[in-house]
């Protein structure tokens, strides 16, 4: 009984910390401070996943998001010098037109995926656990399309950051 109460207390504290750090992340003017509050949010979410018996997702949350993705964010923030004001909009270049067409294709692909995507209802006893085997099988079978869309969006973000960084030099 005491373990369940302790689990609930930790769950509520982690939830409050996640909400607080999310608000702090959005309201900070300094992008580095925002990124650090985002790390706190990721870690508190990992605690929530751990308490929900999704240990693999909790560990992935810390390693991938709080570690790798946040390093990428901080690298991009430092690289593009966000403290500068926005540049004036210029003429439309061919590369900008290509980027707009590519973005439209991506949105069309996402819209088609959303249109054909079916929500699967889980039966009460059939909820998969958060271990490696169940997460891996779900990622590469039922959720392959959202997984690929997420990877494409991350790739577009990386390419965009590199283009922005090269433009200012």
Foldseek 3Di string as FASTA:
>chain_A
DVVVVVLVVLLVVLVVLLVVLCVVLVPDPDPLSSLVSVLSNLLSVLSNLVSVQQNVVSVCSCPPPSNPVSVVVVVLCVLLVVVDDDDDDDDQDPVNVVVVVVVVVLVVLVVVCVVPQDDDDADPVRDDGNDPVVVVVCCVPNVVVVNVSVVVVVVVVVVVSVVSSVVVD
